[in-house]
Structures are given as C-alpha cells and as structure tokens.
Protein backbone atom coordinates (compact mmCIF):
# COMPACT_ATOMS: atom_id res chain seq x y z
CA MET A 1 -10.65 0.15 -39.32
CA SER A 2 -10.69 3.01 -36.90
CA ALA A 3 -7.59 4.43 -35.28
CA ARG A 4 -8.67 3.04 -31.91
CA ALA A 5 -9.04 -0.47 -33.31
CA LYS A 6 -5.62 -0.26 -34.98
CA MET A 7 -4.02 0.92 -31.74
CA SER A 8 -5.70 -1.88 -29.75
CA SER A 9 -4.58 -4.44 -32.31
CA PHE A 10 -1.02 -3.11 -32.21
CA LEU A 11 -0.89 -3.10 -28.40
CA GLY A 12 -2.34 -6.60 -28.26
CA SER A 13 0.23 -7.98 -30.66
CA LEU A 14 2.99 -6.14 -28.78
CA ALA A 15 1.82 -7.68 -25.49
CA GLY A 16 1.74 -11.11 -27.14
CA LEU A 17 5.31 -10.64 -28.34
CA PHE A 18 6.49 -9.64 -24.86
CA LEU A 19 4.76 -12.66 -23.35
CA LEU A 20 6.39 -14.90 -25.92
CA LEU A 21 9.84 -13.52 -25.18
CA PHE A 22 9.66 -12.98 -21.42
CA GLY A 23 6.83 -15.26 -20.32
CA LYS A 24 7.23 -18.28 -18.12
CA SER A 25 8.35 -21.31 -20.07
CA SER A 26 5.96 -24.22 -20.09
CA ALA A 27 8.52 -26.92 -19.32
CA LYS A 28 6.81 -30.12 -18.25
CA PRO A 29 7.59 -31.26 -14.71
CA THR A 30 9.66 -34.39 -14.27
CA ALA A 31 8.73 -37.31 -12.07
CA LYS A 32 11.25 -36.12 -9.49
CA ASN A 33 9.66 -32.67 -9.37
CA LEU A 34 6.20 -34.17 -8.89
CA GLN A 35 7.44 -36.42 -6.13
CA GLN A 36 9.00 -33.48 -4.29
CA ALA A 37 5.79 -31.48 -4.59
CA GLU A 38 3.70 -34.33 -3.17
CA PHE A 39 3.20 -34.33 0.56
CA LYS A 40 1.72 -36.84 2.94
CA SER A 41 -1.35 -35.53 4.69
CA SER A 42 -0.75 -36.93 8.12
CA THR A 43 -2.89 -35.20 10.70
CA GLN A 44 -0.54 -36.23 13.49
CA ARG A 45 2.36 -34.40 11.86
CA LEU A 46 0.18 -31.36 11.29
CA GLY A 47 -0.97 -31.36 14.90
CA ILE A 48 -4.65 -31.65 14.03
CA ARG A 49 -6.98 -33.84 16.03
CA PHE A 50 -10.18 -35.17 14.56
CA ASN A 51 -13.18 -35.98 16.66
CA GLU A 52 -15.29 -39.04 15.93
CA ARG A 53 -17.95 -37.10 14.02
CA ILE A 54 -15.41 -35.79 11.50
CA ARG A 55 -13.84 -39.23 11.18
CA ASP A 56 -17.19 -40.83 10.45
CA ILE A 57 -17.86 -38.28 7.70
CA PHE A 58 -14.50 -38.69 5.95
CA ARG A 59 -13.80 -42.35 6.69
CA PHE A 60 -14.98 -43.55 3.25
CA ARG A 61 -12.19 -41.53 1.62
CA TRP A 62 -9.52 -43.04 3.85
CA LEU A 63 -10.53 -46.66 3.41
CA LYS A 64 -8.80 -48.40 0.55
CA ARG A 65 -10.80 -50.74 -1.64
CA ARG A 66 -9.18 -54.05 -2.40
C-alpha cells in the first residue's frame, strides 16, 4: 500500500468515527411527530386561486374513490 492510500484510509476511518460520535441520531419519528409535520393543503388558506383549466387537470387527484 502506498503512503497516499494509507493516509486516505486513515482519514476515511477518522471521518467515520467522527460521524458515529457526533452525527445526527437516527431516532424514528413518533406518530405525534408525523401528525405535526403533516399539513392540509387548502388553497383557500394559502390564498391561491385556481382557474377552471387547472382544476380540470388536477381534478382526478382530488376526487376520492369509494
């Protein structure tokens, strides 16, 4: 192994160690956290007006199948 490869390997393992120690924890979100993150996409509350052409294009996504 060359000196450059050894140095790269050492720096890579050092970076991995720092990420392990100081990295963001991967705690799974709870149901309450997910509910708080969810938002209702009401165009009236956002102040957006849709014309009929846009409504006709996206209407199939808004209709609920029963």
